Amino acid sequence: MIQSVFTAGIILTVIMVILGFVLGRAKLKGYTLYYPFLALFVVGLLFLLFATILERTWVMGITLGGWGLACVFSAAISFITTTLVDTFAHH
C-alpha cells in the first residue's frame, strides 16, 4: 500500500514541476506561478480532513489519507523546486 502512495506522490510531483517550469517561462506577474501548488496543498489538506471524518475510503488502491499525504508532499517539493529555478532564472 505504501508503494502506491509513493508512486502517486512521485507522479504528482513530476506533473507539478513540469507545470511550474511551463508557468515560469510564461513570465507571469506577481505570485500566480505559485497558485497551482497552493491549490494542490489545499486539496491534500481536504483529503486528510475527510480521511479523519469518513470511514476508510479507497480511491484507486489508496486511502484518502494516502492521497492527502501524496498531495501535500508533492506540493511542497514541487514548490521548492520551482521557486529555486525561478530565483536562479531571475539572477
C-alpha atoms as a PDB file:
ATOM      1  CA  MET A   1       0.000   0.000   0.000  1.00  0.00           C
ATOM      2  CA  ILE A   2       2.815   2.431   0.792  1.00  0.00           C
ATOM      3  CA  GLN A   3       4.254   1.861  -2.677  1.00  0.00           C
ATOM      4  CA  SER A   4       1.023   3.173  -4.182  1.00  0.00           C
ATOM      5  CA  VAL A   5       1.245   6.352  -2.116  1.00  0.00           C
ATOM      6  CA  PHE A   6       4.886   6.867  -3.128  1.00  0.00           C
ATOM      7  CA  THR A   7       4.019   6.282  -6.772  1.00  0.00           C
ATOM      8  CA  ALA A   8       1.123   8.748  -6.675  1.00  0.00           C
ATOM      9  CA  GLY A   9       3.312  11.311  -4.899  1.00  0.00           C
ATOM     10  CA  ILE A  10       6.104  10.969  -7.458  1.00  0.00           C
ATOM     11  CA  ILE A  11       3.685  11.267 -10.373  1.00  0.00           C
ATOM     12  CA  LEU A  12       2.033  14.346  -8.861  1.00  0.00           C
ATOM     13  CA  THR A  13       5.446  15.883  -8.161  1.00  0.00           C
ATOM     14  CA  VAL A  14       6.642  15.394 -11.729  1.00  0.00           C
ATOM     15  CA  ILE A  15       3.420  16.856 -13.126  1.00  0.00           C
ATOM     16  CA  MET A  16       3.598  19.866 -10.821  1.00  0.00           C
ATOM     17  CA  VAL A  17       7.300  20.535 -11.502  1.00  0.00           C
ATOM     18  CA  ILE A  18       6.662  20.469 -15.253  1.00  0.00           C
ATOM     19  CA  LEU A  19       3.677  22.778 -14.770  1.00  0.00           C
ATOM     20  CA  GLY A  20       5.857  25.088 -12.671  1.00  0.00           C
ATOM     21  CA  PHE A  21       8.536  25.209 -15.375  1.00  0.00           C
ATOM     22  CA  VAL A  22       5.947  25.994 -18.039  1.00  0.00           C
ATOM     23  CA  LEU A  23       4.317  28.703 -15.941  1.00  0.00           C
ATOM     24  CA  GLY A  24       7.744  30.074 -15.028  1.00  0.00           C
ATOM     25  CA  ARG A  25       8.582  30.518 -18.692  1.00  0.00           C
ATOM     26  CA  ALA A  26       5.305  32.371 -19.246  1.00  0.00           C
ATOM     27  CA  LYS A  27       6.625  35.409 -17.298  1.00  0.00           C
ATOM     28  CA  LEU A  28       3.535  35.763 -15.139  1.00  0.00           C
ATOM     29  CA  LYS A  29       3.161  38.794 -12.910  1.00  0.00           C
ATOM     30  CA  GLY A  30       3.036  38.507  -9.154  1.00  0.00           C
ATOM     31  CA  TYR A  31       2.626  35.202  -7.424  1.00  0.00           C
ATOM     32  CA  THR A  32       0.381  33.498  -9.983  1.00  0.00           C
ATOM     33  CA  LEU A  33       3.172  30.996 -10.661  1.00  0.00           C
ATOM     34  CA  TYR A  34       2.624  29.520  -7.199  1.00  0.00           C
ATOM     35  CA  TYR A  35      -1.186  29.182  -7.217  1.00  0.00           C
ATOM     36  CA  PRO A  36      -1.225  25.567  -8.536  1.00  0.00           C
ATOM     37  CA  PHE A  37       0.974  24.493  -5.618  1.00  0.00           C
ATOM     38  CA  LEU A  38      -1.310  26.215  -3.147  1.00  0.00           C
ATOM     39  CA  ALA A  39      -4.316  24.516  -4.738  1.00  0.00           C
ATOM     40  CA  LEU A  40      -2.683  21.070  -4.530  1.00  0.00           C
ATOM     41  CA  PHE A  41      -1.718  21.721  -0.898  1.00  0.00           C
ATOM     42  CA  VAL A  42      -5.309  22.680  -0.026  1.00  0.00           C
ATOM     43  CA  VAL A  43      -6.630  19.589  -1.829  1.00  0.00           C
ATOM     44  CA  GLY A  44      -4.212  17.464   0.195  1.00  0.00           C
ATOM     45  CA  LEU A  45      -5.413  19.028   3.426  1.00  0.00           C
ATOM     46  CA  LEU A  46      -9.030  18.396   2.414  1.00  0.00           C
ATOM     47  CA  PHE A  47      -8.213  14.741   1.698  1.00  0.00           C
ATOM     48  CA  LEU A  48      -6.616  14.465   5.137  1.00  0.00           C
ATOM     49  CA  LEU A  49      -9.638  16.136   6.730  1.00  0.00           C
ATOM     50  CA  PHE A  50     -12.073  13.774   5.024  1.00  0.00           C
ATOM     51  CA  ALA A  51      -9.880  10.811   5.944  1.00  0.00           C
ATOM     52  CA  THR A  52     -10.500  11.588   9.600  1.00  0.00           C
ATOM     53  CA  ILE A  53     -14.245  12.135   9.155  1.00  0.00           C
ATOM     54  CA  LEU A  54     -15.238   9.316   6.788  1.00  0.00           C
ATOM     55  CA  GLU A  55     -14.741   5.609   7.077  1.00  0.00           C
ATOM     56  CA  ARG A  56     -11.742   4.075   5.356  1.00  0.00           C
ATOM     57  CA  THR A  57     -12.367   5.035   1.744  1.00  0.00           C
ATOM     58  CA  TRP A  58     -10.187   3.618  -1.023  1.00  0.00           C
ATOM     59  CA  VAL A  59      -9.642   5.501  -4.282  1.00  0.00           C
ATOM     60  CA  MET A  60      -7.515   3.691  -6.884  1.00  0.00           C
ATOM     61  CA  GLY A  61      -5.945   1.494  -4.208  1.00  0.00           C
ATOM     62  CA  ILE A  62      -5.002   4.370  -1.891  1.00  0.00           C
ATOM     63  CA  THR A  63      -6.929   5.653   1.115  1.00  0.00           C
ATOM     64  CA  LEU A  64      -7.933   9.300   1.381  1.00  0.00           C
ATOM     65  CA  GLY A  65      -5.170   9.863   3.913  1.00  0.00           C
ATOM     66  CA  GLY A  66      -2.634   8.450   1.482  1.00  0.00           C
ATOM     67  CA  TRP A  67      -3.864  10.792  -1.234  1.00  0.00           C
ATOM     68  CA  GLY A  68      -3.660  13.665   1.225  1.00  0.00           C
ATOM     69  CA  LEU A  69      -0.063  12.870   2.135  1.00  0.00           C
ATOM     70  CA  ALA A  70       0.887  12.436  -1.521  1.00  0.00           C
ATOM     71  CA  CYS A  71      -0.676  15.791  -2.441  1.00  0.00           C
ATOM     72  CA  VAL A  72       0.836  17.723   0.461  1.00  0.00           C
ATOM     73  CA  PHE A  73       4.364  16.405  -0.024  1.00  0.00           C
ATOM     74  CA  SER A  74       4.105  16.785  -3.796  1.00  0.00           C
ATOM     75  CA  ALA A  75       3.023  20.398  -3.429  1.00  0.00           C
ATOM     76  CA  ALA A  76       5.871  21.136  -1.014  1.00  0.00           C
ATOM     77  CA  ILE A  77       8.620  19.503  -3.084  1.00  0.00           C
ATOM     78  CA  SER A  78       7.456  20.981  -6.392  1.00  0.00           C
ATOM     79  CA  PHE A  79       7.018  24.428  -4.796  1.00  0.00           C
ATOM     80  CA  ILE A  80      10.581  24.402  -3.501  1.00  0.00           C
ATOM     81  CA  THR A  81      11.971  23.136  -6.817  1.00  0.00           C
ATOM     82  CA  THR A  82      10.084  25.694  -8.886  1.00  0.00           C
ATOM     83  CA  THR A  83      10.981  28.520  -6.506  1.00  0.00           C
ATOM     84  CA  LEU A  84      14.691  27.711  -6.740  1.00  0.00           C
ATOM     85  CA  VAL A  85      14.585  27.509 -10.531  1.00  0.00           C
ATOM     86  CA  ASP A  86      12.603  30.772 -10.739  1.00  0.00           C
ATOM     87  CA  THR A  87      15.038  32.512  -8.388  1.00  0.00           C
ATOM     88  CA  PHE A  88      18.102  31.469 -10.337  1.00  0.00           C
ATOM     89  CA  ALA A  89      16.402  32.398 -13.634  1.00  0.00           C
ATOM     90  CA  HIS A  90      15.977  35.996 -12.485  1.00  0.00           C
ATOM     91  CA  HIS A  91      19.552  36.484 -11.290  1.00  0.00           C
END
